Protein backbone atom coordinates (compact mmCIF):
# COMPACT_ATOMS: atom_id res chain seq x y z
CA MET A 1 160.23 -15.34 135.22
CA ASP A 2 161.34 -11.77 134.63
CA ALA A 3 161.80 -8.51 136.43
CA PRO A 4 158.66 -6.50 137.27
CA ALA A 5 157.40 -4.59 134.27
CA ALA A 6 157.74 -0.84 134.28
CA PRO A 7 154.48 1.12 134.50
CA GLY A 8 152.73 1.01 131.13
CA ARG A 9 154.76 -1.97 129.91
CA LEU A 10 153.59 -5.54 129.43
CA SER A 11 154.79 -8.15 131.89
CA TYR A 12 156.51 -10.94 129.94
CA SER A 13 155.66 -13.58 132.54
CA SER A 14 151.99 -12.55 132.66
CA VAL A 15 151.39 -12.69 128.92
CA LEU A 16 153.36 -15.93 128.56
CA LEU A 17 151.24 -17.54 131.28
CA ALA A 18 148.11 -16.15 129.64
CA THR A 19 149.13 -17.67 126.31
CA GLY A 20 149.54 -21.08 127.90
CA CYS A 21 146.22 -20.87 129.74
CA VAL A 22 144.31 -19.71 126.67
CA TYR A 23 145.84 -22.46 124.53
CA ALA A 24 144.82 -25.14 127.04
CA VAL A 25 141.27 -23.82 127.39
CA VAL A 26 140.33 -23.19 123.76
CA HIS A 27 141.86 -26.44 122.56
CA HIS A 28 139.35 -28.33 124.64
CA VAL A 29 136.30 -26.57 123.23
CA GLY A 30 135.32 -29.88 121.61
CA LEU A 31 134.59 -31.24 125.09
CA LEU A 32 131.66 -28.87 125.53
CA PRO A 33 128.49 -30.91 126.15
CA GLY A 34 126.89 -31.88 122.87
CA GLY A 35 128.98 -29.37 120.99
CA LEU A 36 126.57 -26.71 122.39
CA GLY A 37 123.84 -28.16 120.20
CA ASP A 38 123.05 -28.16 116.49
CA ALA A 39 123.61 -25.05 114.39
CA PRO A 40 122.45 -24.24 110.83
CA ARG A 41 123.25 -26.54 107.90
CA GLY A 42 124.58 -29.53 109.81
CA THR A 43 127.11 -27.66 111.94
CA ARG A 44 127.43 -27.35 115.71
CA TRP A 45 127.62 -24.12 117.66
CA ALA A 46 130.95 -25.30 119.07
CA ASP A 47 132.31 -25.31 115.50
CA TRP A 48 131.43 -21.64 115.10
CA LEU A 49 133.01 -20.83 118.45
CA ASP A 50 136.08 -22.85 117.44
CA LEU A 51 136.62 -20.54 114.47
CA LEU A 52 138.12 -18.06 116.92
CA THR A 53 140.63 -20.51 118.39
CA PRO A 54 143.79 -19.59 116.42
CA TYR A 55 143.21 -15.88 116.83
CA VAL A 56 142.51 -16.14 120.56
CA VAL A 57 145.82 -17.98 121.03
CA LEU A 58 147.87 -15.85 118.64
CA ALA A 59 146.90 -12.57 120.31
CA PRO A 60 148.63 -13.26 123.66
CA ALA A 61 151.46 -15.05 121.83
CA ALA A 62 152.15 -11.85 119.89
CA LEU A 63 151.97 -9.81 123.09
CA THR A 64 154.56 -12.15 124.59
CA LEU A 65 156.96 -11.29 121.77
CA VAL A 66 156.23 -7.60 122.31
CA ALA A 67 156.99 -7.92 126.03
CA ALA A 68 160.17 -9.86 125.23
CA SER A 69 161.32 -7.22 122.71
CA ALA A 70 161.74 -10.13 120.32
CA PRO A 71 163.94 -9.74 117.22
CA ARG A 72 162.55 -9.74 113.70
CA ASP A 73 163.33 -13.42 113.04
CA LEU A 74 161.07 -14.51 115.89
CA TRP A 75 158.26 -12.38 114.49
CA LEU A 76 158.77 -14.08 111.13
CA LEU A 77 158.61 -17.48 112.84
CA LEU A 78 155.44 -16.48 114.68
CA GLY A 79 153.92 -15.21 111.44
CA LEU A 80 154.67 -18.41 109.54
CA GLY A 81 153.33 -20.47 112.42
CA GLY A 82 150.23 -18.32 112.70
CA VAL A 83 149.38 -18.73 109.01
CA ALA A 84 149.81 -22.51 109.17
CA TYR A 85 147.89 -22.68 112.47
CA ALA A 86 144.90 -20.72 111.17
CA SER A 87 144.93 -22.46 107.76
CA GLY A 88 145.18 -25.99 109.15
CA HIS A 89 142.57 -25.31 111.79
CA GLY A 90 140.22 -23.89 109.15
CA ILE A 91 140.74 -26.90 106.88
CA HIS A 92 139.97 -29.18 109.81
CA LEU A 93 136.80 -27.31 110.77
CA ALA A 94 135.43 -27.19 107.22
CA ALA A 95 136.17 -30.84 106.47
CA ASN A 96 134.88 -31.93 109.87
CA SER A 97 131.58 -30.15 109.28
CA VAL A 98 131.26 -31.78 105.84
CA GLY A 99 132.08 -35.14 107.41
CA ASN A 100 129.33 -34.67 109.98
CA VAL A 101 126.77 -34.42 107.17
CA GLU A 102 128.28 -36.73 104.55
CA PRO A 103 131.19 -38.81 105.86
CA GLY A 104 133.69 -40.01 103.28
CA VAL A 105 137.35 -40.66 102.60
CA THR A 106 137.93 -37.18 101.16
CA ALA A 107 136.46 -35.40 104.18
CA HIS A 108 138.53 -37.67 106.43
CA LEU A 109 141.72 -36.87 104.48
CA TRP A 110 141.31 -33.10 104.78
CA ASP A 111 140.08 -33.19 108.37
CA GLU A 112 142.09 -35.89 110.14
CA VAL A 113 145.26 -35.95 108.04
CA VAL A 114 145.99 -32.72 106.17
CA GLY A 115 144.14 -30.27 108.39
CA HIS A 116 145.45 -31.63 111.68
CA HIS A 117 149.07 -31.86 110.56
CA VAL A 118 149.14 -28.33 109.09
CA TRP A 119 147.40 -27.03 112.22
CA PHE A 120 149.78 -28.78 114.62
CA ALA A 121 152.83 -27.73 112.60
CA GLY A 122 151.65 -24.14 112.95
CA VAL A 123 151.22 -24.49 116.71
CA ALA A 124 154.72 -25.99 116.91
CA LEU A 125 156.21 -22.99 115.08
CA VAL A 126 154.35 -20.57 117.34
CA GLY A 127 155.61 -22.53 120.34
CA ALA A 128 159.15 -22.38 118.96
CA ALA A 129 158.94 -18.59 118.65
CA LEU A 130 157.84 -18.37 122.29
CA ALA A 131 160.49 -20.85 123.46
CA LEU A 132 163.23 -18.80 121.83
CA THR A 133 162.30 -15.85 124.04
CA MET A 134 163.13 -17.95 127.14
CA PRO A 135 166.96 -18.26 127.12
CA GLY A 136 168.59 -15.89 129.59
CA ARG A 137 165.47 -15.62 131.75
CA ALA A 138 165.24 -16.97 135.30
CA ARG A 139 163.24 -20.00 136.33
CA PRO A 140 159.69 -19.38 137.59
CA GLY A 141 159.64 -18.23 141.17
CA HIS A 142 156.43 -20.09 141.94
CA ALA A 143 154.62 -23.31 141.05
CA VAL A 144 152.11 -21.67 138.70
CA GLY A 145 154.54 -21.58 135.80
CA TYR A 146 155.25 -25.30 136.10
CA VAL A 147 151.55 -26.17 136.45
CA VAL A 148 150.61 -24.18 133.35
CA ALA A 149 153.50 -25.77 131.43
CA LEU A 150 152.27 -29.24 132.44
CA ILE A 151 148.72 -28.40 131.33
CA VAL A 152 150.03 -27.11 127.98
CA GLY A 153 152.04 -30.31 127.45
CA LEU A 154 149.08 -32.52 128.31
CA THR A 155 146.85 -30.47 126.01
CA TRP A 156 149.35 -31.01 123.19
CA ALA A 157 149.33 -34.76 123.90
CA SER A 158 145.56 -35.11 124.21
CA ASN A 159 144.98 -33.13 121.01
CA ALA A 160 147.52 -35.34 119.23
CA VAL A 161 145.77 -38.53 120.32
CA GLY A 162 142.37 -37.16 119.33
CA GLY A 163 143.69 -35.72 116.08
CA GLY A 164 145.70 -38.72 114.93
CA THR A 165 149.05 -36.89 114.85
CA VAL A 166 150.86 -39.00 117.45
CA PRO A 167 154.17 -39.62 115.56
CA PHE A 168 154.52 -35.98 114.51
CA SER A 169 153.46 -34.65 117.90
CA LEU A 170 155.84 -37.01 119.70
CA ALA A 171 158.73 -35.68 117.60
CA VAL A 172 157.78 -32.09 118.50
CA ALA A 173 157.47 -33.00 122.19
CA LEU A 174 160.94 -34.56 122.14
CA VAL A 175 162.40 -31.42 120.58
CA ALA A 176 160.71 -29.37 123.33
CA VAL A 177 162.16 -31.71 125.96
CA GLY A 178 165.62 -31.38 124.44
CA PHE A 179 165.35 -27.58 124.40
CA GLY A 180 164.10 -27.60 127.98
CA TRP A 181 166.96 -29.83 129.09
CA THR A 182 169.53 -27.61 127.39
CA HIS A 183 168.07 -24.53 129.09
CA ARG A 184 167.04 -26.22 132.35
CA ARG A 185 168.95 -23.73 134.50
CA GLY A 186 166.64 -20.96 133.30
CA LEU A 187 163.07 -20.48 132.16
CA GLY A 188 163.44 -23.22 129.55
CA VAL A 189 162.98 -25.74 132.37
CA VAL A 190 159.21 -25.25 132.06
CA LEU A 191 159.34 -26.95 128.64
CA LEU A 192 161.07 -29.90 130.25
CA ALA A 193 158.41 -30.02 132.98
CA GLY A 194 155.53 -29.69 130.53
CA PHE A 195 156.62 -31.84 127.60
CA ALA A 196 158.46 -34.73 129.27
CA PRO A 197 155.14 -36.17 130.56
CA ALA A 198 153.56 -35.43 127.16
CA ALA A 199 156.36 -37.29 125.38
CA ILE A 200 155.95 -40.29 127.69
CA LEU A 201 152.19 -40.42 127.05
CA LEU A 202 152.62 -40.05 123.29
CA ALA A 203 155.35 -42.69 123.18
CA ALA A 204 153.09 -45.09 125.09
CA ARG A 205 150.24 -44.39 122.68
CA LEU A 206 152.50 -44.91 119.66
CA VAL A 207 153.67 -48.27 121.03
CA ALA A 208 150.05 -49.28 121.66
CA ASP A 209 149.04 -48.25 118.14
CA LEU A 210 151.89 -50.28 116.62
CA SER A 211 151.18 -53.37 118.72
């Protein structure tokens, strides 16, 4: 992806790969068996663990911008995305916990509609900040970059289906595909590899939902 880092400097490719891997792992914490069991006051231990999700993803994302010597506007984009990401995820967690104890239309609104869309919009902005560090960089020299990109795209799609954000998430996936196509001769090709399958899956799900 990039030239070897000088001693004492972060490797752009390493932290970018780490960001993708962390995103894919922590955004499947809900698949842990039984939510790791019941916690105090109607919560699950997985919910408490999930509180860390935005911060665990944002840390390597920020390091990626450091390694890329990103300009100020990309830091602003990352900051806006990070605030929306953490806020939406927090809204989702709180409303979801309330819904587990006393389900209702209000809990559903804040969890499944407002929380998820603010959360996913934040992730999209963070992803945009990372994508804008890619132009001018060479394609991955090995399959790992493509595999991680595919896993990230499928994570985005699976979260969208589970979170009820299919139309919005499909639009974001198509933008990522367009960016990847435009920059397919360089590192941007990983977005094409990762989000084209995601877009196909989300489009299929949208058609099924509308049928």
